[in-house]
């Protein structure tokens, strides 16, 4: 089964954007949003994805794990996986900024989902709104992979230009949590049980660094 069967990268970067047709179980392994994806209340909220710095996640990455993954899962194809990740990245960010918990639940692992949900509820209670715009995708790279007890983890780096605007209950911009046209490096980790019939990958960890 092609990488399409590998999963939908579920997540975020610490303020987490978009996607198209029902791809669950298809080549890139990234599930596409259903037309009813906005059935839950849409609240614009923000979450700080800096649960871990990308410097920390970069440690111990040497690319050797990708070779092991390709051997154990012959359906894994780098290009198809990256195409799925490229589509999942804006989808997850957009879902987070809109407070779409239903959509996030399909793409993000349980623990990370709980963190996102908590952040969204806090923003909602404070009356804050988050808008994220990905102006340009400079590069997407597979950094490494790891397999432990049948669980495959793949680390991906997204180099993008983003604008994020957080406003308070009076629609006044919160400058400390907002920025315009900044180069951002997001490191996301996706996981999948390679013994499962479910082809989808889910986002389980994120890290963000602003590039000077």
N, C-alpha and C. Protein backbone atom coordinates (compact mmCIF):
# COMPACT_ATOMS: atom_id res chain seq x y z
N UNK A 1 0.84 -1.19 0.00
CA UNK A 1 0.00 0.00 0.00
C UNK A 1 0.87 1.23 0.00
N UNK A 2 0.62 2.19 -0.91
CA UNK A 2 1.46 3.36 -1.07
C UNK A 2 1.43 4.27 0.13
N UNK A 3 2.29 5.29 0.10
CA UNK A 3 2.41 6.18 1.27
C UNK A 3 1.12 6.89 1.54
N UNK A 4 0.28 6.88 0.50
CA UNK A 4 -1.06 7.40 0.65
C UNK A 4 -1.69 6.72 1.83
N UNK A 5 -1.27 5.45 2.07
CA UNK A 5 -1.83 4.68 3.17
C UNK A 5 -1.11 4.98 4.47
N UNK A 6 -0.18 5.86 4.44
CA UNK A 6 0.58 6.14 5.65
C UNK A 6 -0.06 7.15 6.56
N UNK A 7 -0.89 7.97 6.33
CA UNK A 7 -1.61 8.75 7.33
C UNK A 7 -1.68 10.24 7.17
N UNK A 8 -2.42 10.75 7.85
CA UNK A 8 -2.64 12.16 7.83
C UNK A 8 -1.85 12.81 8.91
N UNK A 9 -0.93 13.47 8.72
CA UNK A 9 -0.15 14.06 9.78
C UNK A 9 -1.05 14.89 10.69
N UNK A 10 -1.31 14.43 11.93
CA UNK A 10 -2.13 15.23 12.78
C UNK A 10 -1.37 16.38 13.43
N UNK A 11 -1.36 17.77 14.22
CA UNK A 11 -0.98 19.01 14.85
C UNK A 11 -1.06 20.20 14.96
N UNK A 12 1.25 21.01 14.97
CA UNK A 12 1.19 22.47 15.20
C UNK A 12 2.39 23.25 15.37
N UNK A 13 2.78 24.13 15.62
CA UNK A 13 3.99 24.89 15.77
C UNK A 13 3.83 25.72 16.96
N UNK A 14 3.59 26.14 17.66
CA UNK A 14 3.00 26.53 18.88
C UNK A 14 2.03 27.64 18.71
N UNK A 15 1.31 27.79 17.87
CA UNK A 15 0.13 28.60 17.66
C UNK A 15 -0.54 28.00 16.44
N UNK A 16 -0.97 27.03 16.45
CA UNK A 16 -1.40 26.45 15.21
C UNK A 16 -2.65 26.82 14.54
N UNK A 17 -2.71 25.10 10.08
CA UNK A 17 -3.48 25.74 9.03
C UNK A 17 -3.94 24.85 7.87
N UNK A 18 -4.39 24.30 6.56
CA UNK A 18 -5.48 23.92 5.68
C UNK A 18 -5.44 22.62 4.85
N UNK A 19 -6.54 22.28 3.90
CA UNK A 19 -6.61 21.05 3.05
C UNK A 19 -7.74 20.72 2.07
N UNK A 20 -7.83 19.51 1.30
CA UNK A 20 -8.85 19.20 0.20
C UNK A 20 -9.46 17.84 -0.03
N UNK A 21 -9.96 17.01 -0.45
CA UNK A 21 -10.69 15.80 -0.69
C UNK A 21 -10.46 14.71 0.36
N UNK A 22 -11.24 13.72 0.46
CA UNK A 22 -11.11 12.72 1.53
C UNK A 22 -9.99 11.75 1.21
N UNK A 23 -8.86 11.96 1.90
CA UNK A 23 -7.66 11.21 1.56
C UNK A 23 -7.33 10.12 2.55
N UNK A 24 -8.18 9.93 3.52
CA UNK A 24 -7.91 8.92 4.54
C UNK A 24 -7.60 7.61 3.87
N UNK A 25 -6.42 7.09 4.17
CA UNK A 25 -6.04 5.82 3.59
C UNK A 25 -5.53 5.93 2.18
N UNK A 26 -5.17 7.14 1.74
CA UNK A 26 -4.64 7.28 0.39
C UNK A 26 -3.13 7.41 0.43
N UNK A 27 -2.53 7.74 -0.71
CA UNK A 27 -1.08 7.71 -0.86
C UNK A 27 -0.30 8.49 0.19
N UNK A 28 -0.61 9.74 0.41
CA UNK A 28 0.24 10.49 1.33
C UNK A 28 -0.10 10.19 2.77
N UNK A 29 -1.14 9.43 3.04
CA UNK A 29 -1.45 9.05 4.39
C UNK A 29 -1.95 10.20 5.23
N UNK A 30 -2.46 11.24 4.61
CA UNK A 30 -3.00 12.36 5.35
C UNK A 30 -4.49 12.47 5.09
N UNK A 31 -5.28 12.38 6.12
CA UNK A 31 -6.73 12.43 5.98
C UNK A 31 -7.16 13.83 5.63
N UNK A 32 -8.03 13.95 4.64
CA UNK A 32 -8.51 15.28 4.26
C UNK A 32 -9.75 15.63 5.06
N UNK A 33 -10.00 16.93 5.25
CA UNK A 33 -11.13 17.35 6.07
C UNK A 33 -12.45 17.01 5.40
N UNK A 34 -13.44 16.66 6.22
CA UNK A 34 -14.77 16.40 5.69
C UNK A 34 -15.49 17.72 5.55
N UNK A 35 -16.55 17.73 4.75
CA UNK A 35 -17.27 18.97 4.53
C UNK A 35 -17.94 19.46 5.81
N UNK A 36 -18.10 18.56 6.78
CA UNK A 36 -18.74 18.91 8.04
C UNK A 36 -17.71 19.23 9.12
N UNK A 37 -16.49 19.55 8.71
CA UNK A 37 -15.41 19.74 9.66
C UNK A 37 -15.65 20.90 10.63
N UNK A 38 -16.58 21.80 10.32
CA UNK A 38 -16.81 22.95 11.19
C UNK A 38 -18.10 22.81 12.00
N UNK A 39 -18.51 21.58 12.28
CA UNK A 39 -19.74 21.38 13.02
C UNK A 39 -19.60 21.84 14.47
N UNK A 40 -18.38 21.78 15.04
CA UNK A 40 -18.19 22.25 16.40
C UNK A 40 -18.08 23.78 16.37
N UNK A 41 -18.33 24.39 17.53
CA UNK A 41 -18.28 25.84 17.59
C UNK A 41 -16.91 26.32 17.17
N UNK A 42 -16.86 27.31 16.31
CA UNK A 42 -15.60 27.85 15.81
C UNK A 42 -15.20 29.04 16.66
N UNK A 43 -14.14 28.87 17.40
CA UNK A 43 -13.61 29.95 18.23
C UNK A 43 -12.20 30.22 17.77
N UNK A 44 -11.87 31.47 17.53
CA UNK A 44 -10.50 31.80 17.14
C UNK A 44 -9.65 31.90 18.40
N UNK A 45 -8.71 31.00 18.53
CA UNK A 45 -7.87 30.98 19.71
C UNK A 45 -6.44 30.71 19.32
N UNK A 46 -5.55 30.89 20.29
CA UNK A 46 -4.14 30.69 20.01
C UNK A 46 -3.53 29.72 21.00
N UNK A 47 -2.55 28.99 20.58
CA UNK A 47 -1.82 28.11 21.48
C UNK A 47 -0.34 28.30 21.24
N UNK A 48 0.41 28.24 22.31
CA UNK A 48 1.84 28.40 22.17
C UNK A 48 2.44 27.05 21.86
N UNK A 49 2.89 26.87 20.66
CA UNK A 49 3.43 25.58 20.26
C UNK A 49 4.82 25.34 20.80
N UNK A 50 5.35 26.26 21.50
CA UNK A 50 6.72 26.10 21.97
C UNK A 50 6.78 25.17 23.17
N UNK A 51 6.14 24.01 23.07
CA UNK A 51 6.22 23.02 24.13
C UNK A 51 7.65 22.51 24.21
N UNK A 52 8.34 22.52 23.08
CA UNK A 52 9.76 22.17 23.04
C UNK A 52 10.41 23.04 21.98
N UNK A 53 11.62 23.48 22.26
CA UNK A 53 12.32 24.26 21.24
C UNK A 53 12.79 23.32 20.15
N UNK A 54 12.89 23.83 18.94
CA UNK A 54 13.35 22.98 17.84
C UNK A 54 14.79 22.55 18.05
N UNK A 55 15.55 23.34 18.83
CA UNK A 55 16.93 22.96 19.12
C UNK A 55 16.96 21.65 19.90
N UNK A 56 16.02 21.51 20.84
CA UNK A 56 15.95 20.28 21.64
C UNK A 56 15.56 19.11 20.76
N UNK A 57 14.59 19.30 19.88
CA UNK A 57 14.14 18.23 19.02
C UNK A 57 15.22 17.83 18.03
N UNK A 58 16.04 18.80 17.62
CA UNK A 58 17.12 18.52 16.66
C UNK A 58 18.17 17.56 17.22
N UNK A 59 18.30 17.53 18.54
CA UNK A 59 19.32 16.69 19.14
C UNK A 59 19.10 15.23 18.79
N UNK A 60 20.17 14.52 18.51
CA UNK A 60 20.14 13.08 18.22
C UNK A 60 19.55 12.74 16.86
N UNK A 61 19.37 13.74 15.99
CA UNK A 61 18.87 13.47 14.65
C UNK A 61 20.05 13.27 13.71
N UNK A 62 20.12 12.13 13.07
CA UNK A 62 21.21 11.91 12.11
C UNK A 62 20.72 11.29 10.80
N UNK A 63 19.39 11.08 10.70
CA UNK A 63 18.82 10.57 9.47
C UNK A 63 18.86 9.06 9.32
N UNK A 64 19.57 8.37 10.22
CA UNK A 64 19.69 6.91 10.09
C UNK A 64 18.36 6.20 10.30
N UNK A 65 17.48 6.81 11.09
CA UNK A 65 16.18 6.18 11.36
C UNK A 65 15.31 6.07 10.13
N UNK A 66 15.50 6.97 9.18
CA UNK A 66 14.71 6.92 7.95
C UNK A 66 15.02 5.66 7.15
N UNK A 67 16.28 5.25 7.17
CA UNK A 67 16.66 4.02 6.46
C UNK A 67 15.97 2.81 7.08
N UNK A 68 15.91 2.78 8.41
CA UNK A 68 15.26 1.68 9.10
C UNK A 68 13.76 1.66 8.80
N UNK A 69 13.15 2.84 8.76
CA UNK A 69 11.72 2.91 8.48
C UNK A 69 11.41 2.41 7.07
N UNK A 70 12.23 2.79 6.10
CA UNK A 70 12.01 2.35 4.72
C UNK A 70 12.12 0.83 4.60
N UNK A 71 12.99 0.23 5.41
CA UNK A 71 13.16 -1.22 5.36
C UNK A 71 11.96 -1.94 5.98
N UNK A 72 11.48 -1.42 7.11
CA UNK A 72 10.39 -2.08 7.82
C UNK A 72 9.02 -1.79 7.22
N UNK A 73 8.87 -0.63 6.62
CA UNK A 73 7.60 -0.25 5.99
C UNK A 73 7.88 0.14 4.54
N UNK A 74 7.78 -0.84 3.66
CA UNK A 74 8.12 -0.60 2.25
C UNK A 74 7.13 0.34 1.57
N UNK A 75 5.99 0.60 2.20
CA UNK A 75 5.02 1.52 1.61
C UNK A 75 5.41 2.98 1.85
N UNK A 76 6.38 3.20 2.75
CA UNK A 76 6.78 4.57 3.06
C UNK A 76 7.60 5.15 1.92
N UNK A 77 7.11 6.24 1.36
CA UNK A 77 7.80 6.94 0.28
C UNK A 77 8.03 8.39 0.71
N UNK A 78 9.27 8.82 0.69
CA UNK A 78 9.61 10.16 1.17
C UNK A 78 8.77 11.26 0.52
N UNK A 79 8.72 11.26 -0.80
CA UNK A 79 8.04 12.34 -1.52
C UNK A 79 6.55 12.37 -1.19
N UNK A 80 5.92 11.19 -1.15
CA UNK A 80 4.49 11.15 -0.85
C UNK A 80 4.22 11.61 0.58
N UNK A 81 5.09 11.20 1.49
CA UNK A 81 4.93 11.62 2.88
C UNK A 81 5.05 13.14 3.01
N UNK A 82 6.05 13.71 2.35
CA UNK A 82 6.25 15.16 2.41
C UNK A 82 5.09 15.91 1.78
N UNK A 83 4.52 15.37 0.71
CA UNK A 83 3.34 16.00 0.11
C UNK A 83 2.18 16.03 1.09
N UNK A 84 2.02 14.92 1.81
CA UNK A 84 0.96 14.87 2.82
C UNK A 84 1.23 15.83 3.96
N UNK A 85 2.49 15.91 4.38
CA UNK A 85 2.86 16.82 5.46
C UNK A 85 2.63 18.27 5.05
N UNK A 86 2.95 18.58 3.79
CA UNK A 86 2.78 19.95 3.29
C UNK A 86 1.32 20.35 3.32
N UNK A 87 0.42 19.40 3.02
CA UNK A 87 -1.01 19.69 3.05
C UNK A 87 -1.53 19.76 4.48
N UNK A 88 -0.99 18.91 5.36
CA UNK A 88 -1.46 18.85 6.74
C UNK A 88 -1.04 20.08 7.55
N UNK A 89 0.11 20.64 7.24
CA UNK A 89 0.65 21.76 8.02
C UNK A 89 -0.31 22.94 8.10
N UNK A 90 -0.75 23.50 6.98
CA UNK A 90 -1.68 24.63 7.05
C UNK A 90 -3.04 24.21 7.59
N UNK A 91 -3.45 22.97 7.31
CA UNK A 91 -4.74 22.49 7.80
C UNK A 91 -4.78 22.50 9.32
N UNK A 92 -3.73 21.99 9.93
CA UNK A 92 -3.67 21.93 11.39
C UNK A 92 -3.59 23.33 11.99
N UNK A 93 -2.77 24.18 11.40
CA UNK A 93 -2.65 25.56 11.90
C UNK A 93 -3.99 26.28 11.81
N UNK A 94 -4.67 26.11 10.67
CA UNK A 94 -5.95 26.77 10.47
C UNK A 94 -6.99 26.24 11.46
N UNK A 95 -6.99 24.93 11.67
CA UNK A 95 -7.94 24.32 12.60
C UNK A 95 -7.70 24.84 14.02
N UNK A 96 -6.44 25.00 14.37
CA UNK A 96 -6.12 25.51 15.70
C UNK A 96 -6.56 26.95 15.86
N UNK A 97 -6.25 27.79 14.87
CA UNK A 97 -6.59 29.21 14.98
C UNK A 97 -8.10 29.42 15.00
N UNK A 98 -8.85 28.53 14.34
CA UNK A 98 -10.30 28.64 14.31
C UNK A 98 -10.96 27.91 15.49
N UNK A 99 -10.17 27.22 16.28
CA UNK A 99 -10.73 26.49 17.41
C UNK A 99 -11.54 25.28 16.98
N UNK A 100 -11.18 24.69 15.86
CA UNK A 100 -11.91 23.53 15.33
C UNK A 100 -11.40 22.25 16.00
N UNK A 101 -11.94 21.92 17.17
CA UNK A 101 -11.50 20.76 17.92
C UNK A 101 -11.80 19.45 17.21
N UNK A 102 -12.90 19.40 16.50
CA UNK A 102 -13.26 18.18 15.78
C UNK A 102 -12.22 17.83 14.73
N UNK A 103 -11.75 18.81 14.02
CA UNK A 103 -10.74 18.57 13.00
C UNK A 103 -9.39 18.22 13.62
N UNK A 104 -9.03 18.93 14.68
CA UNK A 104 -7.76 18.66 15.35
C UNK A 104 -7.72 17.24 15.91
N UNK A 105 -8.84 16.76 16.41
CA UNK A 105 -8.88 15.43 17.00
C UNK A 105 -8.49 14.36 15.99
N UNK A 106 -8.79 14.59 14.72
CA UNK A 106 -8.47 13.59 13.70
C UNK A 106 -7.00 13.60 13.32
N UNK A 107 -6.34 14.73 13.53
CA UNK A 107 -4.97 14.88 13.05
C UNK A 107 -3.90 14.87 14.13
N UNK A 108 -4.31 15.01 15.39
CA UNK A 108 -3.34 15.18 16.47
C UNK A 108 -3.47 14.06 17.50
N UNK A 109 -2.32 13.62 18.03
CA UNK A 109 -2.31 12.60 19.07
C UNK A 109 -3.01 13.08 20.33
N UNK A 110 -3.44 12.15 21.18
CA UNK A 110 -4.27 12.47 22.34
C UNK A 110 -3.63 13.51 23.26
N UNK A 111 -2.39 13.29 23.67
CA UNK A 111 -1.76 14.21 24.63
C UNK A 111 -1.62 15.62 24.06
N UNK A 112 -1.18 15.71 22.82
CA UNK A 112 -1.03 17.02 22.20
C UNK A 112 -2.39 17.67 21.98
N UNK A 113 -3.38 16.86 21.62
CA UNK A 113 -4.74 17.38 21.44
C UNK A 113 -5.23 18.02 22.74
N UNK A 114 -4.97 17.37 23.87
CA UNK A 114 -5.39 17.90 25.17
C UNK A 114 -4.75 19.26 25.42
N UNK A 115 -3.48 19.41 25.06
CA UNK A 115 -2.79 20.69 25.24
C UNK A 115 -3.42 21.76 24.35
N UNK A 116 -3.69 21.40 23.12
CA UNK A 116 -4.30 22.35 22.19
C UNK A 116 -5.69 22.76 22.65
N UNK A 117 -6.46 21.77 23.08
CA UNK A 117 -7.83 22.04 23.53
C UNK A 117 -7.83 22.98 24.73
N UNK A 118 -6.91 22.75 25.66
CA UNK A 118 -6.80 23.61 26.84
C UNK A 118 -6.46 25.04 26.43
N UNK A 119 -5.51 25.18 25.52
CA UNK A 119 -5.11 26.51 25.05
C UNK A 119 -6.27 27.21 24.35
N UNK A 120 -7.01 26.46 23.54
CA UNK A 120 -8.14 27.03 22.82
C UNK A 120 -9.22 27.50 23.80
N UNK A 121 -9.52 26.70 24.79
CA UNK A 121 -10.52 27.08 25.79
C UNK A 121 -10.08 28.32 26.57
N UNK A 122 -8.80 28.40 26.88
CA UNK A 122 -8.30 29.56 27.61
C UNK A 122 -8.41 30.83 26.77
N UNK A 123 -8.09 30.72 25.49
CA UNK A 123 -8.21 31.88 24.60
C UNK A 123 -9.68 32.29 24.47
N UNK A 124 -10.54 31.29 24.39
CA UNK A 124 -11.97 31.56 24.25
C UNK A 124 -12.51 32.29 25.48
N UNK A 125 -12.11 31.82 26.65
CA UNK A 125 -12.56 32.46 27.89
C UNK A 125 -12.05 33.90 28.00
N UNK A 126 -10.86 34.14 27.46
CA UNK A 126 -10.28 35.48 27.51
C UNK A 126 -10.81 36.38 26.40
N UNK A 127 -11.57 35.80 25.47
CA UNK A 127 -12.11 36.58 24.36
C UNK A 127 -11.07 36.92 23.31
N UNK A 128 -9.99 36.15 23.29
CA UNK A 128 -8.92 36.40 22.32
C UNK A 128 -9.17 35.68 21.01
N UNK A 129 -8.63 36.25 19.93
CA UNK A 129 -8.76 35.66 18.60
C UNK A 129 -7.39 35.59 17.93
N UNK A 130 -7.17 34.49 17.21
CA UNK A 130 -5.89 34.29 16.54
C UNK A 130 -6.09 34.15 15.04
N UNK A 131 -5.28 34.87 14.28
CA UNK A 131 -5.28 34.73 12.83
C UNK A 131 -3.87 34.36 12.39
N UNK A 132 -3.77 33.30 11.59
CA UNK A 132 -2.47 32.84 11.09
C UNK A 132 -2.49 32.84 9.57
N UNK A 133 -1.47 33.40 8.98
CA UNK A 133 -1.36 33.41 7.52
C UNK A 133 0.02 32.89 7.13
N UNK A 134 0.04 31.79 6.39
CA UNK A 134 1.31 31.27 5.87
C UNK A 134 1.55 31.95 4.53
N UNK A 135 2.48 32.87 4.50
CA UNK A 135 2.72 33.65 3.30
C UNK A 135 3.57 32.90 2.28
N UNK A 136 4.46 32.06 2.78
CA UNK A 136 5.35 31.34 1.87
C UNK A 136 5.91 30.10 2.56
N UNK A 137 6.00 29.01 1.81
CA UNK A 137 6.66 27.80 2.31
C UNK A 137 8.03 27.73 1.64
N UNK A 138 9.08 27.98 2.40
CA UNK A 138 10.43 27.97 1.83
C UNK A 138 10.95 26.56 1.60
N UNK A 139 10.68 25.68 2.57
CA UNK A 139 11.24 24.34 2.47
C UNK A 139 10.56 23.40 3.47
N UNK A 140 10.49 22.12 3.11
CA UNK A 140 10.00 21.08 4.02
C UNK A 140 10.98 19.92 3.91
N UNK A 141 11.47 19.45 5.06
CA UNK A 141 12.47 18.39 5.05
C UNK A 141 12.12 17.27 6.03
N UNK A 142 12.43 16.04 5.61
CA UNK A 142 12.39 14.91 6.54
C UNK A 142 13.72 14.91 7.27
N UNK A 143 13.69 15.01 8.59
CA UNK A 143 14.93 15.05 9.35
C UNK A 143 15.37 13.68 9.84
N UNK A 144 14.44 12.90 10.34
CA UNK A 144 14.80 11.60 10.87
C UNK A 144 13.55 10.81 11.20
N UNK A 145 13.75 9.56 11.58
CA UNK A 145 12.65 8.69 11.97
C UNK A 145 13.13 7.74 13.05
N UNK A 146 12.19 7.16 13.76
CA UNK A 146 12.51 6.21 14.82
C UNK A 146 11.38 5.20 14.91
N UNK A 147 11.73 3.96 15.17
CA UNK A 147 10.72 2.92 15.35
C UNK A 147 10.95 2.25 16.70
N UNK A 148 9.92 2.25 17.54
CA UNK A 148 10.01 1.64 18.86
C UNK A 148 8.72 0.91 19.17
N UNK A 149 8.81 -0.39 19.42
CA UNK A 149 7.64 -1.21 19.73
C UNK A 149 6.55 -1.08 18.67
N UNK A 150 6.96 -1.02 17.43
CA UNK A 150 6.01 -0.96 16.33
C UNK A 150 5.46 0.42 16.03
N UNK A 151 5.89 1.43 16.79
CA UNK A 151 5.43 2.81 16.57
C UNK A 151 6.50 3.57 15.81
N UNK A 152 6.15 4.06 14.63
CA UNK A 152 7.08 4.84 13.82
C UNK A 152 6.88 6.32 14.10
N UNK A 153 7.99 7.03 14.32
CA UNK A 153 7.95 8.48 14.53
C UNK A 153 8.80 9.14 13.45
N UNK A 154 8.25 10.14 12.79
CA UNK A 154 8.97 10.85 11.73
C UNK A 154 9.04 12.33 12.09
N UNK A 155 10.25 12.89 12.03
CA UNK A 155 10.46 14.29 12.35
C UNK A 155 10.58 15.11 11.07
N UNK A 156 9.79 16.17 10.99
CA UNK A 156 9.72 17.00 9.78
C UNK A 156 9.99 18.46 10.14
N UNK A 157 10.78 19.14 9.30
CA UNK A 157 11.03 20.57 9.49
C UNK A 157 10.30 21.37 8.43
N UNK A 158 9.55 22.39 8.88
CA UNK A 158 8.84 23.31 7.98
C UNK A 158 9.48 24.69 8.11
N UNK A 159 10.01 25.20 7.02
CA UNK A 159 10.60 26.55 6.99
C UNK A 159 9.63 27.44 6.23
N UNK A 160 8.96 28.35 6.94
CA UNK A 160 7.91 29.16 6.31
C UNK A 160 8.02 30.63 6.73
N UNK A 161 7.31 31.47 5.98
CA UNK A 161 7.13 32.87 6.35
C UNK A 161 5.69 33.00 6.83
N UNK A 162 5.51 33.46 8.07
CA UNK A 162 4.17 33.52 8.65
C UNK A 162 3.87 34.88 9.27
N UNK A 163 2.57 35.17 9.31
CA UNK A 163 2.07 36.31 10.07
C UNK A 163 1.04 35.77 11.05
N UNK A 164 1.20 36.10 12.32
CA UNK A 164 0.25 35.65 13.33
C UNK A 164 -0.20 36.86 14.14
N UNK A 165 -1.49 37.07 14.19
CA UNK A 165 -2.04 38.22 14.91
C UNK A 165 -2.98 37.72 15.99
N UNK A 166 -2.67 38.04 17.24
CA UNK A 166 -3.52 37.69 18.38
C UNK A 166 -4.14 38.97 18.91
N UNK A 167 -5.47 38.99 19.03
CA UNK A 167 -6.17 40.17 19.54
C UNK A 167 -6.94 39.82 20.80
N UNK A 168 -7.15 40.84 21.63
CA UNK A 168 -7.87 40.62 22.89
C UNK A 168 -9.37 40.78 22.68
N UNK A 169 -10.12 40.78 23.78
CA UNK A 169 -11.58 40.84 23.70
C UNK A 169 -12.09 42.14 23.10
N UNK A 170 -11.22 43.16 23.02
CA UNK A 170 -11.60 44.44 22.43
C UNK A 170 -11.02 44.59 21.03
N UNK A 171 -10.55 43.49 20.47
CA UNK A 171 -9.95 43.46 19.13
C UNK A 171 -8.68 44.30 19.03
N UNK A 172 -8.01 44.46 20.15
CA UNK A 172 -6.73 45.17 20.18
C UNK A 172 -5.61 44.14 20.07
N UNK A 173 -4.67 44.38 19.16
CA UNK A 173 -3.58 43.43 18.96
C UNK A 173 -2.70 43.29 20.19
N UNK A 174 -2.41 42.05 20.56
CA UNK A 174 -1.50 41.77 21.67
C UNK A 174 -0.11 41.64 21.06
N UNK A 175 0.67 42.68 21.13
CA UNK A 175 1.93 42.77 20.38
C UNK A 175 2.94 41.70 20.77
N UNK A 176 3.01 41.35 22.04
CA UNK A 176 4.00 40.37 22.48
C UNK A 176 3.76 38.99 21.89
N UNK A 177 2.54 38.70 21.48
CA UNK A 177 2.20 37.39 20.92
C UNK A 177 1.85 37.47 19.44
N UNK A 178 2.22 38.55 18.79
CA UNK A 178 1.93 38.73 17.37
C UNK A 178 3.21 39.08 16.62
N UNK A 179 3.23 38.73 15.33
CA UNK A 179 4.36 39.12 14.49
C UNK A 179 3.92 39.11 13.04
N UNK A 180 4.66 39.84 12.21
CA UNK A 180 4.31 39.97 10.80
C UNK A 180 5.46 39.53 9.91
N UNK A 181 5.15 38.66 8.95
CA UNK A 181 6.11 38.20 7.94
C UNK A 181 7.44 37.75 8.54
N UNK A 182 7.36 36.88 9.54
CA UNK A 182 8.56 36.34 10.18
C UNK A 182 8.89 34.97 9.59
N UNK A 183 10.19 34.69 9.47
CA UNK A 183 10.62 33.36 9.05
C UNK A 183 10.57 32.45 10.27
N UNK A 184 9.80 31.37 10.16
CA UNK A 184 9.59 30.46 11.27
C UNK A 184 10.04 29.05 10.89
N UNK A 185 10.74 28.40 11.81
CA UNK A 185 11.13 27.00 11.61
C UNK A 185 10.33 26.15 12.60
N UNK A 186 9.43 25.34 12.07
CA UNK A 186 8.61 24.46 12.89
C UNK A 186 9.13 23.04 12.75
N UNK A 187 9.33 22.37 13.88
CA UNK A 187 9.73 20.97 13.88
C UNK A 187 8.57 20.17 14.44
N UNK A 188 7.98 19.32 13.60
CA UNK A 188 6.83 18.51 14.01
C UNK A 188 7.21 17.03 13.97
N UNK A 189 6.69 16.29 14.92
CA UNK A 189 6.91 14.84 14.96
C UNK A 189 5.57 14.13 14.79
N UNK A 190 5.51 13.24 13.80
CA UNK A 190 4.31 12.47 13.51
C UNK A 190 4.53 11.00 13.87
N UNK A 191 3.47 10.35 14.32
CA UNK A 191 3.57 8.95 14.70
C UNK A 191 2.50 8.09 14.03
N UNK A 192 2.84 6.81 13.88
CA UNK A 192 1.88 5.85 13.33
C UNK A 192 2.29 4.44 13.77
N UNK A 193 1.29 3.63 14.10
CA UNK A 193 1.52 2.22 14.40
C UNK A 193 1.64 1.48 13.07
N UNK A 194 2.84 1.02 12.74
CA UNK A 194 3.04 0.40 11.42
C UNK A 194 2.37 -0.97 11.31
N UNK A 195 1.89 -1.50 12.43
CA UNK A 195 1.17 -2.78 12.39
C UNK A 195 -0.34 -2.60 12.33
N UNK A 196 -0.77 -1.35 12.38
CA UNK A 196 -2.20 -1.05 12.36
C UNK A 196 -2.72 -0.92 10.93
N UNK A 197 -4.00 -1.22 10.75
CA UNK A 197 -4.63 -1.04 9.44
C UNK A 197 -4.90 0.43 9.17
N UNK A 198 -4.87 1.24 10.21
CA UNK A 198 -5.08 2.68 10.05
C UNK A 198 -3.83 3.27 9.40
N UNK A 199 -3.95 3.83 8.21
CA UNK A 199 -2.78 4.35 7.48
C UNK A 199 -2.37 5.76 7.90
N UNK A 200 -3.15 6.39 8.76
CA UNK A 200 -2.92 7.80 9.07
C UNK A 200 -1.85 8.05 10.13
N UNK A 201 -1.07 9.10 9.90
CA UNK A 201 -0.08 9.59 10.87
C UNK A 201 -0.73 10.69 11.70
N UNK A 202 -0.31 10.80 12.94
CA UNK A 202 -0.84 11.87 13.79
C UNK A 202 0.31 12.68 14.40
N UNK A 203 0.06 13.95 14.51
CA UNK A 203 1.05 14.85 15.09
C UNK A 203 1.10 14.64 16.61
N UNK A 204 2.29 14.47 17.15
CA UNK A 204 2.41 14.20 18.59
C UNK A 204 3.31 15.20 19.32
N UNK A 205 4.10 15.96 18.58
CA UNK A 205 5.01 16.90 19.24
C UNK A 205 5.36 18.03 18.29
N UNK A 206 5.50 19.24 18.85
CA UNK A 206 5.83 20.39 18.02
C UNK A 206 6.87 21.27 18.69
N UNK A 207 7.62 21.98 17.89
CA UNK A 207 8.58 22.96 18.38
C UNK A 207 8.70 24.08 17.36
N UNK A 208 8.95 25.30 17.83
CA UNK A 208 9.00 26.45 16.93
C UNK A 208 10.18 27.36 17.25
N UNK A 209 10.83 27.85 16.20
CA UNK A 209 11.93 28.79 16.37
C UNK A 209 11.79 29.91 15.36
N UNK A 210 11.95 31.15 15.82
CA UNK A 210 11.95 32.29 14.91
C UNK A 210 13.37 32.45 14.38
N UNK A 211 13.50 32.60 13.06
CA UNK A 211 14.81 32.75 12.43
C UNK A 211 15.16 34.22 12.32
N UNK A 212 16.28 34.60 12.91
CA UNK A 212 16.70 36.02 12.86
C UNK A 212 17.17 36.40 11.47
